[in-house]
Every structure is written in C-alpha cells, then in structure tokens.
C-alpha cells in the first residue's frame, strides 16, 4: 500500500534561533518523520506593519504587539535555511519549508526543495500560486478556512500554470482546533470532488485526530511540534513535544500496516487457527455402519478438520459408511 508521508511541522517554533532549528531537526529525525518542515519568509514582504495579531496568537503569546513585530522575531535568513537543509541531509531526513512570499519561493526552488507546501492562507494569493506552479514541482496544499469553490479556483490556477501533482490537505486554521471543528469526513468529500490524493494537516491537541485521519485514508499527515510547549511563541501550545511526535509516528505506522489490502481472505497469521476455531460434523453417540444419519446421532464440534457443518443438509438422511465412535469425525458422505 502507499506510504503515508509524515511531515513534522517545525514551522517557526525555533523562535528565530538556528540552534533551536537544528534541535528540531534532531527531534523530527528521532521521531521517525519523513520530513521536517519550516517556514521561510521575509517579514516585510508578507505582513503590513498595521496587521494585528490573531486572537490565538494573542492568547498563546500573552502579548498585544503587532503581527509584524511578532513574526519579525521568528525570521531566519536564507543562508541559515541552507545550513538547516545541509543538517537535514546529515540526519537522513527530508528538508522542506513553506514559502510565504515570492522571493522565498525563488530561494527554495533554487536550493532544490523536493516539492512545495502551500499554506492555507495563500490559497487566494494569485501571484503566489502562479509563481509556485511555474516551478513545475509537485504541490501539497493545505485548505484551512477554504470553501470548495476556493479550493477549485486555486487548483485551476496551479494546473493552468504548469504545476506538478497536487495533494490536498484537509485542515482547520485555529490553534488549537476544537475537536468539533475538525470534520474529518470532509476528506472524503474533497477526494470525490477533486479527484486528488487527500491528506490532513492537524492543529488539534494530542495525537488522536491525525491517527484517525490516517485510518480514513490520508496519504500525507502534517503535525506541528516543538521542543517545549512552555516556550514563548504563537504555535508552541498547539504543538506536540518530541516524545509525543514519536508516539504519533509509531501509531500512524501501525495504522498504515493495519490498513493492508482491500482483499478479504484469511491472512497468513490466522491460517493456523482455522481448524482450531471452526467445527466439523461428528458422531453425537456411537453409530453403526449402515445406520441412518439424523439430527439425533450427529453433532457439530471443534476442531474443524473434518466435514464442514455447511454440508449438514447433505449428510442428513445418508447412511454411515462404517462404525463411528462418540465425537469421531463423520467422513465419506460428501455427494
């Protein structure tokens, strides 16, 4: 079956520190994620100095500064991202970063990210979508805050401008997302509507929802993580700590194995139990050769290494081919 691709979303949980960013790479690699993803941006290109913080950002940081001031402190430079990419290579984990402006798209394309991740907030950003599509790389696109029409329009822009394969991630853009707002069933609706592979980007607390998404057929799972939820910053409180990230990855891998094949047949591990768990037709009491076989002298008991009880109607009314002792398997009567 296809491998479920797990993105460990470091985002800006490094708090603007290269040292923290490298520690996040270590944590993601140790957890067994396929990829560790950051966010690449030039604050002046992304946020107006007049933009206010979101309610969740105010709540999670306890501050009332402007969104520009908050985000500027979380910015890493392009050379620092090249160092992070090199470190990811050493650690055997894929490096990825979401661009938030056109210069960052060009930079990430130049250093060879394997695909582009579009965040929910950029789905209505036409110039951004065109720029990413024209790299001709595959795209994974989150769909938080979106209507189906907005998703459809974004897909059209991407495909008209040369994008590669597009995978859609169901998502809710609230940190943390209330369980009642997750609506995992939307994954199936999106798969049907757009004919694309569907994944899930999670902002709930805990690991239950991404595991459920994996069971529902998500091909990509993305989850925020941090070194410590008590760190200062907008996203830490809705992120997993390293040991929780590891637990999520292990659980998803178990679900991945459990999904298995759509073909229903006895598995290799249960073959040995068929005879033990099923039953055969046996003699309820001693039966003489030539005696008529009836409900009074037949029984159905374990093990299932004789004539199947499904043949019971065919056996009734025939005659015993030999003497049978109590509990002995009846044989020789299949017509």
Protein backbone atom coordinates (compact mmCIF):
# COMPACT_ATOMS: atom_id res chain seq x y z
CA UNK A 1 0.00 0.00 0.00
CA UNK A 2 1.16 3.62 -0.44
CA UNK A 3 3.40 5.03 2.28
CA UNK A 4 1.76 7.67 4.50
CA UNK A 5 4.09 10.66 4.28
CA UNK A 6 4.54 12.29 7.70
CA UNK A 7 5.58 15.95 7.85
CA UNK A 8 6.89 17.12 11.21
CA UNK A 9 5.97 20.82 11.12
CA UNK A 10 8.64 22.79 12.97
CA UNK A 11 7.26 25.99 11.47
CA UNK A 12 8.63 28.94 13.39
CA UNK A 13 8.90 27.06 16.71
CA UNK A 14 12.66 27.71 16.61
CA UNK A 15 11.83 31.25 17.82
CA UNK A 16 14.32 32.73 15.38
CA UNK A 17 17.22 30.60 16.68
CA UNK A 18 19.31 28.47 14.30
CA UNK A 19 20.38 26.35 17.27
CA UNK A 20 16.76 25.59 18.10
CA UNK A 21 16.02 24.85 14.45
CA UNK A 22 18.76 22.21 14.36
CA UNK A 23 17.43 20.68 17.59
CA UNK A 24 14.01 20.46 15.93
CA UNK A 25 15.63 18.58 13.03
CA UNK A 26 17.13 16.15 15.55
CA UNK A 27 13.74 15.62 17.21
CA UNK A 28 11.92 15.04 13.92
CA UNK A 29 14.53 12.57 12.72
CA UNK A 30 14.50 10.68 16.01
CA UNK A 31 10.68 10.52 15.92
CA UNK A 32 10.82 8.81 12.51
CA UNK A 33 9.09 11.52 10.47
CA UNK A 34 9.70 11.55 6.71
CA UNK A 35 10.21 15.28 6.56
CA UNK A 36 10.80 18.29 8.80
CA UNK A 37 9.22 21.50 7.56
CA UNK A 38 9.97 25.11 8.41
CA UNK A 39 8.57 28.46 7.23
CA UNK A 40 10.61 30.75 5.01
CA UNK A 41 9.63 34.40 4.75
CA UNK A 42 10.81 37.97 4.55
CA UNK A 43 8.56 39.69 7.05
CA UNK A 44 8.48 42.98 5.14
CA UNK A 45 7.18 41.12 2.05
CA UNK A 46 4.45 39.26 3.93
CA UNK A 47 2.94 41.42 6.67
CA UNK A 48 1.88 45.05 6.81
CA UNK A 49 3.08 46.99 9.83
CA UNK A 50 -0.58 47.64 10.56
CA UNK A 51 -1.63 43.94 10.71
CA UNK A 52 -2.88 42.84 14.09
CA UNK A 53 -2.17 39.52 15.76
CA UNK A 54 -4.79 36.78 15.51
CA UNK A 55 -6.73 36.05 18.68
CA UNK A 56 -4.95 32.73 19.12
CA UNK A 57 -1.58 34.49 18.75
CA UNK A 58 -2.51 37.00 21.46
CA UNK A 59 -3.77 34.18 23.65
CA UNK A 60 -0.74 31.93 23.11
CA UNK A 61 1.89 34.67 23.50
CA UNK A 62 0.18 36.82 26.11
CA UNK A 63 1.25 39.88 24.12
CA UNK A 64 -0.50 42.61 22.19
CA UNK A 65 2.30 43.67 19.82
CA UNK A 66 1.64 43.93 16.08
CA UNK A 67 1.74 40.80 13.94
CA UNK A 68 4.75 42.30 12.13
CA UNK A 69 6.70 42.67 15.38
CA UNK A 70 5.87 39.15 16.48
CA UNK A 71 6.77 37.50 13.16
CA UNK A 72 9.95 39.51 12.58
CA UNK A 73 11.46 37.92 15.69
CA UNK A 74 10.80 34.47 14.21
CA UNK A 75 12.51 35.09 10.87
CA UNK A 76 15.54 33.06 9.76
CA UNK A 77 17.81 34.12 6.88
CA UNK A 78 18.24 32.29 3.58
CA UNK A 79 21.84 31.25 4.48
CA UNK A 80 20.53 29.81 7.77
CA UNK A 81 18.00 27.73 5.85
CA UNK A 82 20.81 26.40 3.67
CA UNK A 83 22.58 25.30 6.87
CA UNK A 84 19.39 23.63 8.08
CA UNK A 85 18.98 21.84 4.75
CA UNK A 86 22.55 20.57 4.96
CA UNK A 87 22.00 19.38 8.53
CA UNK A 88 18.81 17.55 7.48
CA UNK A 89 20.84 15.72 4.85
CA UNK A 90 23.32 14.63 7.52
CA UNK A 91 20.46 13.40 9.72
CA UNK A 92 18.74 11.49 6.92
CA UNK A 93 15.51 13.46 6.98
CA UNK A 94 13.97 15.46 4.15
CA UNK A 95 14.13 19.25 4.45
CA UNK A 96 11.12 21.29 3.46
CA UNK A 97 9.97 24.83 4.08
CA UNK A 98 6.80 26.70 3.23
CA UNK A 99 7.45 30.00 1.43
CA UNK A 100 5.28 33.00 2.24
CA UNK A 101 6.50 35.43 -0.41
CA UNK A 102 7.82 35.39 -3.97
CA UNK A 103 11.48 35.83 -3.03
CA UNK A 104 11.23 32.86 -0.69
CA UNK A 105 9.66 30.75 -3.46
CA UNK A 106 12.62 31.55 -5.72
CA UNK A 107 15.13 30.78 -2.97
CA UNK A 108 13.58 27.43 -2.03
CA UNK A 109 13.32 26.46 -5.68
CA UNK A 110 17.00 27.32 -6.15
CA UNK A 111 18.15 25.11 -3.26
CA UNK A 112 16.05 22.23 -4.55
CA UNK A 113 13.16 21.55 -2.19
CA UNK A 114 11.54 18.28 -3.35
CA UNK A 115 8.06 19.81 -3.57
CA UNK A 116 6.23 22.95 -2.45
CA UNK A 117 3.90 23.16 0.53
CA UNK A 118 1.26 25.88 0.17
CA UNK A 119 -0.24 27.07 3.47
CA UNK A 120 -3.95 27.72 3.90
CA UNK A 121 -3.53 31.50 3.99
CA UNK A 122 -2.06 31.67 0.48
CA UNK A 123 -4.82 29.82 -1.40
CA UNK A 124 -6.35 33.12 -2.55
CA UNK A 125 -2.96 34.68 -3.42
CA UNK A 126 -2.96 34.56 -7.23
CA UNK A 127 0.62 35.80 -7.92
CA UNK A 128 1.94 33.38 -5.29
CA UNK A 129 0.09 30.41 -6.80
CA UNK A 130 1.33 31.25 -10.29
CA UNK A 131 4.95 31.53 -9.12
CA UNK A 132 4.86 28.16 -7.37
CA UNK A 133 3.07 26.47 -10.28
CA UNK A 134 5.69 27.72 -12.72
CA UNK A 135 8.40 25.79 -10.87
CA UNK A 136 6.57 22.70 -12.24
CA UNK A 137 7.12 20.91 -8.94
CA UNK A 138 4.61 18.77 -7.07
CA UNK A 139 2.48 20.63 -4.55
CA UNK A 140 0.92 19.82 -1.20
CA UNK A 141 -1.72 22.41 -0.34
CA UNK A 142 -3.48 22.98 2.97
CA UNK A 143 -7.11 24.05 2.75
CA UNK A 144 -7.94 25.62 6.12
CA UNK A 145 -10.58 28.39 6.04
CA UNK A 146 -11.48 27.41 2.45
CA UNK A 147 -14.73 26.78 0.65
CA UNK A 148 -14.85 24.10 -2.03
CA UNK A 149 -15.05 26.83 -4.69
CA UNK A 150 -11.88 28.49 -3.38
CA UNK A 151 -10.06 25.16 -3.49
CA UNK A 152 -11.32 24.56 -7.03
CA UNK A 153 -10.15 28.01 -8.16
CA UNK A 154 -6.69 27.50 -6.64
CA UNK A 155 -6.33 24.12 -8.33
CA UNK A 156 -7.27 25.70 -11.66
CA UNK A 157 -4.64 28.44 -11.29
CA UNK A 158 -1.99 25.91 -10.35
CA UNK A 159 -2.77 23.48 -13.16
CA UNK A 160 -3.09 26.21 -15.79
CA UNK A 161 0.42 27.40 -14.89
CA UNK A 162 2.23 24.07 -15.02
CA UNK A 163 2.08 22.66 -11.51
CA UNK A 164 3.02 19.05 -10.94
CA UNK A 165 0.93 16.61 -8.91
CA UNK A 166 -1.33 18.35 -6.36
CA UNK A 167 -2.18 16.77 -3.00
CA UNK A 168 -4.80 18.49 -0.85
CA UNK A 169 -4.63 18.59 2.93
CA UNK A 170 -7.84 18.98 4.87
CA UNK A 171 -7.12 21.48 7.63
CA UNK A 172 -8.66 23.82 10.19
CA UNK A 173 -6.79 27.07 10.85
CA UNK A 174 -7.35 27.54 14.56
CA UNK A 175 -4.63 26.84 17.13
CA UNK A 176 -5.62 24.59 18.78
CA UNK A 177 -8.57 23.37 16.71
CA UNK A 178 -11.63 22.30 18.74
CA UNK A 179 -12.48 18.66 18.03
CA UNK A 180 -15.98 19.58 16.91
CA UNK A 181 -14.49 21.78 14.17
CA UNK A 182 -12.22 19.10 12.65
CA UNK A 183 -14.78 17.45 10.33
CA UNK A 184 -12.60 14.62 9.09
CA UNK A 185 -15.42 13.43 6.82
CA UNK A 186 -14.56 16.40 4.58
CA UNK A 187 -11.53 14.41 3.43
CA UNK A 188 -13.78 12.00 1.54
CA UNK A 189 -15.82 14.85 0.07
CA UNK A 190 -12.65 16.55 -1.20
CA UNK A 191 -11.32 13.30 -2.67
CA UNK A 192 -14.58 12.82 -4.58
CA UNK A 193 -14.91 16.44 -5.69
CA UNK A 194 -11.37 17.00 -6.93
CA UNK A 195 -10.02 13.54 -7.76
CA UNK A 196 -6.81 14.26 -5.85
CA UNK A 197 -4.93 12.45 -3.13
CA UNK A 198 -6.04 13.80 0.23
CA UNK A 199 -4.10 14.27 3.46
CA UNK A 200 -4.59 16.09 6.72
CA UNK A 201 -2.78 18.95 8.46
CA UNK A 202 -3.60 18.88 12.16
CA UNK A 203 -3.84 21.66 14.74
CA UNK A 204 -5.73 19.81 17.48
CA UNK A 205 -4.23 18.95 20.84
CA UNK A 206 -2.92 15.40 21.13
CA UNK A 207 -2.38 12.71 18.52
CA UNK A 208 -5.81 11.05 18.16
CA UNK A 209 -7.08 13.05 15.19
CA UNK A 210 -4.09 12.59 12.83
CA UNK A 211 -4.17 8.86 13.63
CA UNK A 212 -7.87 8.82 12.72
CA UNK A 213 -7.09 10.71 9.51
CA UNK A 214 -4.53 8.05 8.61
CA UNK A 215 -7.18 5.37 9.15
CA UNK A 216 -9.53 7.29 6.84
CA UNK A 217 -7.03 7.18 4.00
CA UNK A 218 -4.85 10.29 4.38
CA UNK A 219 -1.73 9.96 2.23
CA UNK A 220 0.03 12.87 3.98
CA UNK A 221 -0.11 13.81 7.66
CA UNK A 222 1.31 17.12 8.90
CA UNK A 223 1.60 17.99 12.60
CA UNK A 224 3.21 20.89 14.46
CA UNK A 225 5.83 20.02 17.04
CA UNK A 226 8.06 21.94 19.42
CA UNK A 227 10.97 21.34 21.75
CA UNK A 228 8.86 22.50 24.71
CA UNK A 229 5.24 23.66 24.83
CA UNK A 230 6.15 26.19 27.52
CA UNK A 231 8.41 28.14 25.15
CA UNK A 232 7.32 31.64 24.19
CA UNK A 233 5.71 31.93 20.76
CA UNK A 234 2.39 31.68 18.89
CA UNK A 235 2.37 28.00 17.93
CA UNK A 236 4.05 26.12 20.79
CA UNK A 237 0.90 25.50 22.82
CA UNK A 238 -0.82 23.70 19.90
CA UNK A 239 2.26 21.59 19.11
CA UNK A 240 3.47 18.16 20.15
CA UNK A 241 6.61 17.71 22.21
CA UNK A 242 9.27 15.35 20.80
CA UNK A 243 8.16 12.20 22.65
CA UNK A 244 4.54 12.82 21.57
CA UNK A 245 5.65 13.27 17.97
CA UNK A 246 7.40 9.91 18.17
CA UNK A 247 4.26 8.29 19.59
CA UNK A 248 2.18 9.74 16.76
CA UNK A 249 4.57 8.49 14.09
CA UNK A 250 4.62 4.98 15.59
CA UNK A 251 0.82 4.91 15.82
CA UNK A 252 0.41 6.04 12.20
CA UNK A 253 2.87 3.39 11.05
CA UNK A 254 0.82 0.78 12.93
CA UNK A 255 -2.36 2.06 11.26
CA UNK A 256 -0.58 2.00 7.91
CA UNK A 257 0.25 -1.68 8.42
CA UNK A 258 -3.25 -2.42 9.67
CA UNK A 259 -4.94 -0.86 6.63
CA UNK A 260 -3.32 -3.52 4.47
CA UNK A 261 -5.13 -4.91 1.45
CA UNK A 262 -8.74 -4.43 0.37
CA UNK A 263 -8.93 -8.14 -0.50
CA UNK A 264 -10.78 -10.14 2.14
CA UNK A 265 -9.16 -13.54 2.67
CA UNK A 266 -7.54 -15.45 5.55
CA UNK A 267 -4.23 -13.86 6.48
CA UNK A 268 -1.06 -15.94 6.93
CA UNK A 269 -1.12 -15.35 10.69
CA UNK A 270 -4.65 -16.74 11.11
CA UNK A 271 -4.42 -19.74 8.79
CA UNK A 272 -3.22 -21.97 11.63
CA UNK A 273 -6.33 -21.12 13.69
CA UNK A 274 -8.95 -22.14 11.13
CA UNK A 275 -9.14 -25.79 12.17
CA UNK A 276 -9.00 -24.87 15.85
CA UNK A 277 -11.77 -22.26 15.79
CA UNK A 278 -14.13 -23.91 13.29
CA UNK A 279 -16.16 -27.13 13.68
CA UNK A 280 -16.81 -30.43 11.92
CA UNK A 281 -19.70 -32.89 11.80
CA UNK A 282 -19.09 -35.64 14.38
CA UNK A 283 -20.96 -38.57 15.92
CA UNK A 284 -23.08 -37.49 18.90
CA UNK A 285 -23.06 -41.16 20.11
CA UNK A 286 -21.74 -44.47 18.74
CA UNK A 287 -23.12 -45.07 15.24
CA UNK A 288 -23.29 -48.45 13.48
CA UNK A 289 -22.33 -48.99 9.84
CA UNK A 290 -25.41 -48.53 7.66
CA UNK A 291 -27.30 -46.57 10.33
CA UNK A 292 -29.30 -43.57 9.07
CA UNK A 293 -27.64 -40.27 9.97
CA UNK A 294 -30.04 -37.90 11.73
CA UNK A 295 -30.08 -34.86 13.99
CA UNK A 296 -30.24 -37.31 16.92
CA UNK A 297 -26.95 -39.06 16.21
CA UNK A 298 -24.95 -36.16 14.70
CA UNK A 299 -23.32 -33.15 16.38
CA UNK A 300 -21.20 -30.16 15.34
CA UNK A 301 -17.99 -29.75 17.37
CA UNK A 302 -14.43 -28.50 17.20
CA UNK A 303 -11.93 -28.98 15.59
CA UNK A 304 -12.74 -28.01 12.04
CA UNK A 305 -10.59 -30.62 10.29
CA UNK A 306 -13.47 -32.78 9.07
CA UNK A 307 -16.63 -32.30 7.01
CA UNK A 308 -17.84 -28.69 7.28
CA UNK A 309 -21.15 -28.08 9.07
CA UNK A 310 -22.19 -26.21 5.92
CA UNK A 311 -22.64 -29.74 4.43
CA UNK A 312 -25.07 -30.71 7.21
CA UNK A 313 -28.16 -30.82 4.93
CA UNK A 314 -26.35 -33.18 2.54
CA UNK A 315 -25.31 -35.54 5.36
CA UNK A 316 -28.78 -35.90 6.92
CA UNK A 317 -30.60 -38.95 5.59
CA UNK A 318 -27.50 -40.75 4.33
CA UNK A 319 -26.14 -43.92 5.90
CA UNK A 320 -22.93 -44.40 7.87
CA UNK A 321 -20.21 -46.00 5.73
CA UNK A 322 -18.68 -47.62 8.84
CA UNK A 323 -18.92 -47.65 12.61
CA UNK A 324 -18.21 -44.31 14.36
CA UNK A 325 -17.40 -43.71 18.00
CA UNK A 326 -18.74 -40.76 20.01
CA UNK A 327 -17.10 -37.48 18.87
CA UNK A 328 -15.42 -39.19 15.91
CA UNK A 329 -15.46 -37.19 12.71
CA UNK A 330 -18.04 -38.30 10.19
CA UNK A 331 -16.46 -38.96 6.80
CA UNK A 332 -17.16 -40.24 3.34
CA UNK A 333 -20.60 -38.74 2.85
CA UNK A 334 -19.97 -35.68 0.63
CA UNK A 335 -22.02 -36.15 -2.55
